[in-house]
N, C-alpha and C. Protein backbone atom coordinates (compact mmCIF):
# COMPACT_ATOMS: atom_id res chain seq x y z
N MET A 1 132.16 115.69 126.85
CA MET A 1 131.49 116.79 126.46
C MET A 1 130.44 116.29 125.40
N ARG A 2 129.21 116.83 125.59
CA ARG A 2 128.04 116.52 124.65
C ARG A 2 128.35 117.08 123.23
N LYS A 3 128.12 116.02 122.25
CA LYS A 3 128.34 116.50 120.91
C LYS A 3 127.13 117.39 120.33
N SER A 4 127.47 118.50 119.59
CA SER A 4 126.55 119.48 119.06
C SER A 4 125.71 118.69 117.98
N CYS A 5 124.44 119.03 117.89
CA CYS A 5 123.54 118.46 116.91
C CYS A 5 123.66 119.31 115.52
N PHE A 6 124.59 120.21 115.53
CA PHE A 6 124.81 121.20 114.39
C PHE A 6 126.25 120.82 113.89
N THR A 7 126.53 120.83 112.49
CA THR A 7 127.95 120.70 112.10
C THR A 7 128.51 122.05 112.11
N GLU A 8 129.91 122.14 112.03
CA GLU A 8 130.55 123.44 111.94
C GLU A 8 130.12 124.30 110.85
N ALA A 9 129.58 123.71 109.79
CA ALA A 9 129.23 124.59 108.50
C ALA A 9 127.85 124.94 108.84
N GLN A 10 127.00 124.44 109.65
CA GLN A 10 125.76 124.91 109.89
C GLN A 10 125.84 126.12 111.05
N ILE A 11 126.67 125.85 111.83
CA ILE A 11 126.95 126.85 112.91
C ILE A 11 127.49 128.11 112.30
N ILE A 12 128.34 128.01 111.52
CA ILE A 12 128.88 129.27 110.72
C ILE A 12 127.88 129.78 109.94
N GLY A 13 127.02 129.12 109.23
CA GLY A 13 126.05 129.60 108.48
C GLY A 13 124.89 130.47 109.34
N MET A 14 124.53 129.87 110.55
CA MET A 14 123.79 130.55 111.41
C MET A 14 124.44 132.01 111.80
N ILE A 15 125.56 131.91 112.15
CA ILE A 15 126.38 133.11 112.62
C ILE A 15 126.37 134.19 111.46
N LYS A 16 126.59 133.66 110.13
CA LYS A 16 126.66 134.58 109.06
C LYS A 16 125.26 135.07 108.89
N GLU A 17 124.08 134.35 108.98
CA GLU A 17 122.85 134.90 108.79
C GLU A 17 122.56 136.10 109.91
N GLN A 18 123.02 135.94 111.15
CA GLN A 18 122.88 136.88 112.20
C GLN A 18 123.63 138.12 111.80
N GLU A 19 124.90 137.91 111.36
CA GLU A 19 125.78 139.03 110.93
C GLU A 19 125.19 139.87 109.80
N ALA A 20 124.53 139.12 108.90
CA ALA A 20 123.84 139.78 107.60
C ALA A 20 122.75 140.76 108.03
N GLY A 21 122.29 140.72 109.16
CA GLY A 21 121.25 141.48 109.51
C GLY A 21 119.83 140.85 110.23
N MET A 22 119.86 139.57 110.16
CA MET A 22 118.80 138.88 110.68
C MET A 22 118.79 138.97 112.12
N ALA A 23 117.63 139.11 112.89
CA ALA A 23 117.60 139.26 114.41
C ALA A 23 118.07 137.98 114.99
N THR A 24 118.63 137.95 116.09
CA THR A 24 119.19 136.83 116.79
C THR A 24 118.20 136.03 117.14
N ALA A 25 117.12 136.62 117.68
CA ALA A 25 115.93 135.72 118.14
C ALA A 25 115.27 134.94 116.98
N GLU A 26 115.23 135.56 115.67
CA GLU A 26 114.83 134.79 114.49
C GLU A 26 115.66 133.75 114.11
N VAL A 27 117.01 134.02 114.18
CA VAL A 27 117.88 132.92 113.81
C VAL A 27 117.76 131.72 114.87
N CYS A 28 117.65 132.03 116.25
CA CYS A 28 117.48 131.00 117.20
C CYS A 28 116.18 130.22 117.01
N ARG A 29 115.09 130.95 116.60
CA ARG A 29 113.77 130.11 116.35
C ARG A 29 113.92 129.33 115.24
N ARG A 30 114.48 129.96 114.03
CA ARG A 30 114.42 129.11 112.86
C ARG A 30 115.31 127.73 113.11
N HIS A 31 116.29 127.90 113.91
CA HIS A 31 117.26 126.69 114.02
C HIS A 31 116.97 126.02 115.16
N GLY A 32 116.11 126.44 116.06
CA GLY A 32 115.82 125.67 117.33
C GLY A 32 116.82 125.53 118.33
N LEU A 33 117.39 126.57 118.59
CA LEU A 33 118.34 126.70 119.81
C LEU A 33 118.16 128.09 120.67
N SER A 34 118.68 128.02 121.87
CA SER A 34 118.37 129.12 122.58
C SER A 34 119.53 130.32 122.38
N PRO A 35 119.22 131.49 122.75
CA PRO A 35 120.15 132.66 122.55
C PRO A 35 121.43 132.27 123.27
N ALA A 36 121.37 131.83 124.31
CA ALA A 36 122.66 131.60 125.13
C ALA A 36 123.35 130.63 124.32
N THR A 37 122.81 129.54 123.94
CA THR A 37 123.80 128.59 122.92
C THR A 37 124.08 129.30 121.73
N PHE A 38 123.33 130.19 121.36
CA PHE A 38 123.70 130.99 119.86
C PHE A 38 125.14 131.70 120.26
N TYR A 39 125.05 132.40 121.32
CA TYR A 39 126.13 133.36 121.66
C TYR A 39 127.50 132.37 122.11
N LYS A 40 127.19 131.46 122.74
CA LYS A 40 128.36 130.44 123.04
C LYS A 40 128.99 130.02 121.81
N LEU A 41 128.28 129.56 120.78
CA LEU A 41 128.71 129.14 119.56
C LEU A 41 129.37 130.22 118.75
N LYS A 42 128.73 131.44 118.78
CA LYS A 42 129.37 132.61 118.14
C LYS A 42 130.80 133.17 118.70
N ALA A 43 130.83 132.80 120.17
CA ALA A 43 132.09 133.14 120.69
C ALA A 43 133.18 132.31 120.17
N LYS A 44 132.81 130.87 120.07
CA LYS A 44 133.82 129.93 119.52
C LYS A 44 134.15 130.04 118.07
N TYR A 45 133.02 130.24 117.27
CA TYR A 45 133.24 130.16 115.81
C TYR A 45 133.07 131.45 115.12
N GLY A 46 132.85 132.49 115.72
CA GLY A 46 132.72 133.80 115.09
C GLY A 46 133.89 134.09 114.49
N GLY A 47 133.62 134.62 113.06
CA GLY A 47 134.73 135.14 112.19
C GLY A 47 135.54 134.13 111.49
N MET A 48 135.14 132.79 111.69
CA MET A 48 135.72 131.70 111.11
C MET A 48 134.97 131.27 109.83
N GLU A 49 135.93 130.74 108.99
CA GLU A 49 135.17 130.08 107.68
C GLU A 49 135.11 128.48 107.95
N VAL A 50 134.54 127.84 107.09
CA VAL A 50 134.28 126.29 107.32
C VAL A 50 135.58 125.58 107.48
N SER A 51 136.47 125.95 106.53
CA SER A 51 137.84 125.22 106.53
C SER A 51 138.76 125.47 107.82
N GLU A 52 138.47 126.82 108.24
CA GLU A 52 139.20 127.02 109.57
C GLU A 52 138.59 126.23 110.87
N ALA A 53 137.33 126.21 110.77
CA ALA A 53 136.61 125.35 111.75
C ALA A 53 137.08 123.85 111.79
N ALA A 54 137.29 123.35 110.51
CA ALA A 54 137.58 121.95 110.34
C ALA A 54 139.20 121.79 110.93
N MET A 55 139.79 122.82 110.62
CA MET A 55 141.24 122.74 111.26
C MET A 55 141.32 122.84 112.63
N LEU A 56 140.53 123.66 113.20
CA LEU A 56 140.34 123.85 114.69
C LEU A 56 139.77 122.53 115.34
N LYS A 57 138.87 121.88 114.77
CA LYS A 57 138.56 120.53 115.14
C LYS A 57 139.69 119.49 115.37
N ALA A 58 140.62 119.58 114.06
CA ALA A 58 141.68 118.62 113.96
C ALA A 58 142.45 118.88 114.96
N LEU A 59 142.82 120.03 115.35
CA LEU A 59 143.96 120.44 116.36
C LEU A 59 143.23 120.10 117.81
N GLU A 60 142.16 120.21 117.89
CA GLU A 60 141.45 119.68 119.25
C GLU A 60 141.78 118.39 119.49
N ASP A 61 141.40 117.54 118.46
CA ASP A 61 141.37 116.15 118.52
C ASP A 61 142.92 115.68 118.72
N GLU A 62 143.83 116.43 118.01
CA GLU A 62 145.25 116.08 118.26
C GLU A 62 145.76 116.34 119.64
N ASN A 63 145.32 117.56 120.19
CA ASN A 63 145.59 117.95 121.53
C ASN A 63 145.04 116.94 122.41
N TRP A 64 143.78 116.48 122.37
CA TRP A 64 143.22 115.39 123.19
C TRP A 64 144.08 114.13 123.27
N LYS A 65 144.43 113.74 122.02
CA LYS A 65 145.27 112.50 122.03
C LYS A 65 146.51 112.57 122.71
N LEU A 66 147.21 113.88 122.43
CA LEU A 66 148.64 114.12 123.00
C LEU A 66 148.44 114.12 124.65
N LYS A 67 147.31 114.73 125.06
CA LYS A 67 147.05 114.70 126.61
C LYS A 67 146.87 113.41 127.10
N ARG A 68 146.16 112.55 126.31
CA ARG A 68 145.89 111.12 126.83
C ARG A 68 147.34 110.39 126.82
N LEU A 69 148.10 110.65 125.80
CA LEU A 69 149.44 109.93 125.69
C LEU A 69 150.23 110.39 127.05
N LEU A 70 150.27 111.71 127.38
CA LEU A 70 151.03 112.29 128.45
C LEU A 70 150.61 111.62 129.70
N ALA A 71 149.24 111.59 129.93
CA ALA A 71 148.60 110.88 131.15
C ALA A 71 149.08 109.44 131.24
N ASP A 72 148.87 108.78 130.35
CA ASP A 72 149.32 107.33 130.32
C ASP A 72 150.92 107.15 130.64
N THR A 73 151.59 108.04 130.15
CA THR A 73 153.21 107.87 130.52
C THR A 73 153.34 108.31 131.89
N MET A 74 152.87 109.25 132.49
CA MET A 74 152.96 109.64 133.68
C MET A 74 152.58 108.68 134.68
N LEU A 75 151.45 107.89 134.26
CA LEU A 75 150.98 106.86 135.16
C LEU A 75 151.94 105.69 135.14
N ASP A 76 152.64 105.58 134.01
CA ASP A 76 153.47 104.33 133.93
C ASP A 76 154.67 104.71 134.77
N ASN A 77 155.06 105.82 134.84
CA ASN A 77 156.20 106.36 135.48
C ASN A 77 155.95 106.19 137.05
N VAL A 78 154.79 106.57 137.49
CA VAL A 78 154.54 106.40 139.04
C VAL A 78 154.47 104.95 139.32
N VAL A 79 153.79 104.21 138.48
CA VAL A 79 153.96 102.75 138.84
C VAL A 79 155.21 102.13 138.94
N LEU A 80 156.07 102.49 137.91
CA LEU A 80 157.44 102.09 138.01
C LEU A 80 158.46 102.51 139.23
N LYS A 81 158.07 103.73 139.60
CA LYS A 81 158.72 104.25 140.71
C LYS A 81 158.38 103.50 142.06
N ASP A 82 156.95 103.14 142.09
CA ASP A 82 156.48 102.55 143.26
C ASP A 82 157.14 101.01 143.27
N LEU A 83 157.27 100.47 142.16
CA LEU A 83 157.92 98.97 142.11
C LEU A 83 159.25 99.16 142.41
N LEU A 84 160.01 100.07 142.04
CA LEU A 84 161.36 100.18 142.30
C LEU A 84 161.59 100.63 143.81
N GLY A 85 160.51 101.42 144.30
CA GLY A 85 160.79 101.81 145.74
C GLY A 85 160.56 100.68 146.71
N LYS A 86 159.71 99.73 146.40
CA LYS A 86 159.31 98.67 147.22
C LYS A 86 160.47 97.55 147.40
N ASN A 87 161.29 97.39 146.32
CA ASN A 87 162.33 96.20 146.37
C ASN A 87 163.44 96.61 147.16
């Protein structure tokens, strides 16, 4: 997945600007992003504070690491079963 050029704090700041009454088109123009991207970010980060976004990022990273460990373990099991089945 492509890394965003905005930090979580910047994204939350943009959302708060829009919620404070600034037009969505104006927020998008000022920060240089498309309305579709803005609404996608708003769906993910809407209603969050910066600390909650940081916690979300930490949980996503931990989840990725656990999925990677599970995949490696499952691959090892398949290899061991193949070796034992051929003997």
